[in-house]
Amino acid sequence: MLNESLAASLQEVQRMKSLIQEMLELTRADAVDVQFPNATVDICEVIEQVVNDMRMIHPDFAITLDNDLEGPVYVRMYRNHLEQILIILLDNGVKYSTKRKELHVSAALDSDGVALAVQDFGEGIAPKDRERVFNRFYRVDKARSREKGGNGLGLSIAQQLIENYHGTISVDSALGSGSVFRIQLPTITAEAATRLQAQEAARTQDAQSSTEINSNL
């Protein structure tokens, strides 16, 4: 009984730690313009890296990537945030998959920028829940989500980040047929990305110089 009690307590501590971390992520997501004003990232590189990482972490899943992007394609976003968004969607796909252990990721350019999609073939989402899956703390199946370690904040974090970088996220789903999460992000030219990167390098250098001056006072 003591061992069971300790195990339950440790599990609850871990859950609370995860919850606090996710709440901090939501708070930070509101300030991306201030924290990362010049951030740019090549979306092709990040997609391929995250997909390859998830393949290694989940070798029992068939994770395919249909990438129609040619060469570097830049968006104004902090690299870690793009990675975090993709990991949230792929991790959810793994958690809620049933017999068909497959995930499909696609990327293509359209008239509005870059379109990404993450598709799973799991439980799916009922129409009444579809509108609320991005709400904070909302879980379609509370018992299963808690069992799988979910706090109901992952999709909310993803949406907050995407919208603060002037993009959109939506979901198409049907019960028993899985879900497709679609992301739309505006792109920038390679020239604009180079300019922003130079501005960020100068900003970082100024910050380091100020720190050195203050430490010598």
Protein backbone atom coordinates (compact mmCIF):
# COMPACT_ATOMS: atom_id res chain seq x y z
CA MET A 1 0.00 0.00 0.00
CA LEU A 2 2.89 2.35 0.80
CA ASN A 3 4.49 1.69 -2.60
CA GLU A 4 1.18 2.32 -4.37
CA SER A 5 0.69 5.55 -2.42
CA LEU A 6 4.18 6.78 -3.26
CA ALA A 7 3.73 5.89 -6.93
CA ALA A 8 0.43 7.77 -7.06
CA SER A 9 2.00 10.79 -5.35
CA LEU A 10 4.95 10.84 -7.74
CA GLN A 11 2.59 10.59 -10.69
CA GLU A 12 0.59 13.55 -9.41
CA VAL A 13 3.76 15.59 -8.82
CA GLN A 14 4.85 14.89 -12.39
CA ARG A 15 1.43 15.89 -13.70
CA MET A 16 1.53 19.16 -11.76
CA LYS A 17 5.04 19.87 -13.01
CA SER A 18 3.85 19.33 -16.58
CA LEU A 19 0.82 21.54 -15.99
CA ILE A 20 2.92 24.40 -14.60
CA GLN A 21 5.33 24.14 -17.52
CA GLU A 22 2.46 24.30 -20.00
CA MET A 23 0.93 27.30 -18.24
CA LEU A 24 4.29 29.07 -18.51
CA GLU A 25 4.39 28.23 -22.22
CA LEU A 26 0.95 29.84 -22.67
CA THR A 27 2.14 32.98 -20.90
CA ARG A 28 5.25 33.19 -23.08
CA ALA A 29 3.21 32.62 -26.23
CA ASP A 30 1.51 35.96 -25.63
CA ALA A 31 4.82 37.82 -25.88
CA VAL A 32 6.49 36.43 -29.02
CA ASP A 33 6.61 39.86 -30.71
CA VAL A 34 8.65 41.22 -27.81
CA GLN A 35 10.83 38.18 -27.12
CA PHE A 36 11.53 37.16 -30.73
CA PRO A 37 10.96 40.23 -32.96
CA ASN A 38 13.41 39.12 -35.67
CA ALA A 39 13.04 35.34 -35.46
CA THR A 40 13.01 33.45 -38.77
CA VAL A 41 13.17 29.76 -39.58
CA ASP A 42 13.41 27.51 -42.62
CA ILE A 43 10.24 25.50 -42.30
CA CYS A 44 11.52 22.68 -44.57
CA GLU A 45 14.46 21.95 -42.30
CA VAL A 46 12.35 21.88 -39.14
CA ILE A 47 9.62 19.64 -40.56
CA GLU A 48 12.13 17.06 -41.73
CA GLN A 49 13.99 17.15 -38.41
CA VAL A 50 10.85 16.75 -36.27
CA VAL A 51 9.45 13.96 -38.45
CA ASN A 52 12.77 12.07 -38.32
CA ASP A 53 12.95 12.52 -34.55
CA MET A 54 9.41 11.20 -34.09
CA ARG A 55 10.20 8.19 -36.29
CA MET A 56 13.06 7.29 -33.95
CA ILE A 57 10.98 7.86 -30.82
CA HIS A 58 8.00 5.86 -32.16
CA PRO A 59 9.42 3.08 -34.38
CA ASP A 60 6.09 1.24 -34.19
CA PHE A 61 4.41 4.07 -36.14
CA ALA A 62 4.55 4.64 -39.89
CA ILE A 63 5.15 8.39 -40.14
CA THR A 64 5.21 9.67 -43.72
CA LEU A 65 6.20 13.11 -44.97
CA ASP A 66 4.82 14.54 -48.21
CA ASN A 67 6.94 17.69 -48.64
CA ASP A 68 6.23 19.71 -51.79
CA LEU A 69 8.32 22.67 -50.64
CA GLU A 70 11.38 23.41 -52.78
CA GLY A 71 14.50 24.84 -51.23
CA PRO A 72 14.42 26.88 -48.02
CA VAL A 73 11.00 28.38 -47.21
CA TYR A 74 11.12 31.00 -44.48
CA VAL A 75 8.50 32.05 -41.94
CA ARG A 76 8.77 34.60 -39.14
CA MET A 77 8.83 32.29 -36.16
CA TYR A 78 11.20 31.21 -33.42
CA ARG A 79 12.54 27.78 -34.39
CA ASN A 80 11.77 26.15 -31.04
CA HIS A 81 8.15 27.28 -31.29
CA LEU A 82 7.69 25.65 -34.70
CA GLU A 83 9.23 22.46 -33.36
CA GLN A 84 6.95 22.61 -30.32
CA ILE A 85 3.81 23.01 -32.47
CA LEU A 86 4.67 20.04 -34.69
CA ILE A 87 5.60 17.87 -31.70
CA ILE A 88 2.28 18.69 -29.98
CA LEU A 89 0.30 17.63 -33.07
CA LEU A 90 2.34 14.49 -33.75
CA ASP A 91 2.33 13.50 -30.08
CA ASN A 92 -1.45 13.86 -29.99
CA GLY A 93 -1.69 11.71 -33.10
CA VAL A 94 0.33 8.99 -31.39
CA LYS A 95 -1.67 9.20 -28.16
CA TYR A 96 -5.06 8.90 -29.80
CA SER A 97 -4.25 6.38 -32.50
CA THR A 98 -5.92 2.99 -32.22
CA LYS A 99 -5.24 0.01 -34.48
CA ARG A 100 -3.91 1.93 -37.48
CA LYS A 101 -0.59 3.33 -36.32
CA GLU A 102 0.05 5.83 -39.08
CA LEU A 103 0.67 9.57 -39.20
CA HIS A 104 0.86 11.66 -42.36
CA VAL A 105 2.57 15.06 -42.50
CA SER A 106 2.33 17.28 -45.57
CA ALA A 107 3.68 20.69 -46.54
CA ALA A 108 3.00 22.83 -49.62
CA LEU A 109 2.88 26.43 -50.75
CA ASP A 110 -0.38 28.11 -51.66
CA SER A 111 -1.62 31.64 -52.28
CA ASP A 112 -1.67 32.40 -48.52
CA GLY A 113 1.82 31.12 -47.69
CA VAL A 114 2.72 27.64 -46.47
CA ALA A 115 0.10 25.00 -45.65
CA LEU A 116 0.95 22.19 -43.23
CA ALA A 117 -1.21 19.23 -42.28
CA VAL A 118 -0.83 16.48 -39.68
CA GLN A 119 -3.21 13.54 -40.11
CA ASP A 120 -3.85 10.58 -37.82
CA PHE A 121 -6.20 7.61 -38.17
CA GLY A 122 -7.27 7.29 -34.57
CA GLU A 123 -10.36 7.90 -32.50
CA GLY A 124 -11.44 11.11 -34.20
CA ILE A 125 -13.41 13.99 -32.69
CA ALA A 126 -17.19 14.35 -32.53
CA PRO A 127 -18.73 17.50 -34.11
CA LYS A 128 -19.77 18.83 -30.70
CA ASP A 129 -16.15 18.70 -29.49
CA ARG A 130 -14.46 20.01 -32.63
CA GLU A 131 -15.08 23.66 -31.82
CA ARG A 132 -13.66 23.30 -28.32
CA VAL A 133 -10.50 21.22 -28.76
CA PHE A 134 -8.35 24.38 -28.74
CA ASN A 135 -9.87 25.67 -25.50
CA ARG A 136 -7.63 25.65 -22.45
CA PHE A 137 -8.01 22.51 -20.30
CA TYR A 138 -10.62 21.03 -22.65
CA ARG A 139 -10.26 17.28 -23.16
CA VAL A 140 -12.55 15.23 -25.39
CA ASP A 141 -12.21 12.16 -23.18
CA LYS A 142 -11.09 13.31 -19.73
CA ALA A 143 -10.44 9.82 -18.38
CA ARG A 144 -8.31 8.74 -21.33
CA SER A 145 -6.50 12.07 -21.55
CA ARG A 146 -5.51 11.93 -17.90
CA GLU A 147 -4.42 8.32 -18.31
CA LYS A 148 -2.20 9.34 -21.24
CA GLY A 149 -0.75 12.30 -19.34
CA GLY A 150 -2.70 15.09 -21.04
CA ASN A 151 -3.59 18.37 -19.35
CA GLY A 152 -5.75 19.75 -22.15
CA LEU A 153 -3.25 22.54 -22.90
CA GLY A 154 -1.19 21.26 -25.83
CA LEU A 155 -3.55 22.34 -28.61
CA SER A 156 -4.22 25.63 -26.84
CA ILE A 157 -0.47 26.34 -26.76
CA ALA A 158 -0.17 25.44 -30.45
CA GLN A 159 -3.05 27.73 -31.40
CA GLN A 160 -1.74 30.61 -29.26
CA LEU A 161 1.70 30.40 -30.85
CA ILE A 162 0.40 30.09 -34.40
CA GLU A 163 -2.02 32.99 -34.09
CA ASN A 164 0.61 35.23 -32.47
CA TYR A 165 2.78 34.56 -35.52
CA HIS A 166 -0.19 35.61 -37.71
CA GLY A 167 -1.13 32.10 -38.81
CA THR A 168 -4.20 29.90 -38.41
CA ILE A 169 -4.91 26.34 -37.24
CA SER A 170 -8.03 24.25 -37.79
CA VAL A 171 -9.14 20.63 -37.55
CA ASP A 172 -11.21 18.28 -39.71
CA SER A 173 -12.29 15.10 -37.98
CA ALA A 174 -14.84 12.32 -37.76
CA LEU A 175 -15.39 9.76 -35.02
CA GLY A 176 -13.58 6.53 -35.78
CA SER A 177 -11.75 7.98 -38.80
CA GLY A 178 -9.06 10.16 -37.26
CA SER A 179 -8.26 13.86 -37.54
CA VAL A 180 -6.41 16.30 -39.78
CA PHE A 181 -4.93 19.42 -38.20
CA ARG A 182 -4.20 22.13 -40.76
CA ILE A 183 -1.82 25.06 -40.23
CA GLN A 184 -1.48 28.12 -42.44
CA LEU A 185 1.53 30.43 -42.00
CA PRO A 186 2.61 33.48 -44.01
CA THR A 187 6.02 33.16 -45.67
CA ILE A 188 8.75 35.74 -46.20
CA THR A 189 11.41 36.02 -48.90
CA ALA A 190 14.97 34.81 -48.44
CA GLU A 191 16.10 38.46 -48.62
CA ALA A 192 13.75 39.44 -45.78
CA ALA A 193 14.97 36.48 -43.73
CA THR A 194 18.60 37.51 -44.23
CA ARG A 195 17.79 41.08 -43.15
CA LEU A 196 15.98 39.92 -40.02
CA GLN A 197 18.79 37.53 -39.13
CA ALA A 198 21.29 40.41 -39.38
CA GLN A 199 19.08 42.55 -37.13
CA GLU A 200 18.85 39.71 -34.60
CA ALA A 201 22.62 39.23 -34.63
CA ALA A 202 23.10 42.97 -33.98
CA ARG A 203 20.50 42.90 -31.19
CA THR A 204 22.22 39.93 -29.55
CA GLN A 205 25.59 41.65 -29.80
CA ASP A 206 24.21 44.82 -28.20
CA ALA A 207 22.69 42.79 -25.37
CA GLN A 208 25.98 40.99 -24.73
CA SER A 209 27.88 44.29 -24.74
CA SER A 210 25.45 45.78 -22.22
CA THR A 211 25.84 42.75 -19.97
CA GLU A 212 29.63 42.99 -20.09
CA ILE A 213 29.54 46.71 -19.27
CA ASN A 214 27.20 46.16 -16.31
CA SER A 215 29.33 43.30 -14.98
CA ASN A 216 32.42 45.54 -15.02
CA LEU A 217 30.77 48.38 -13.10
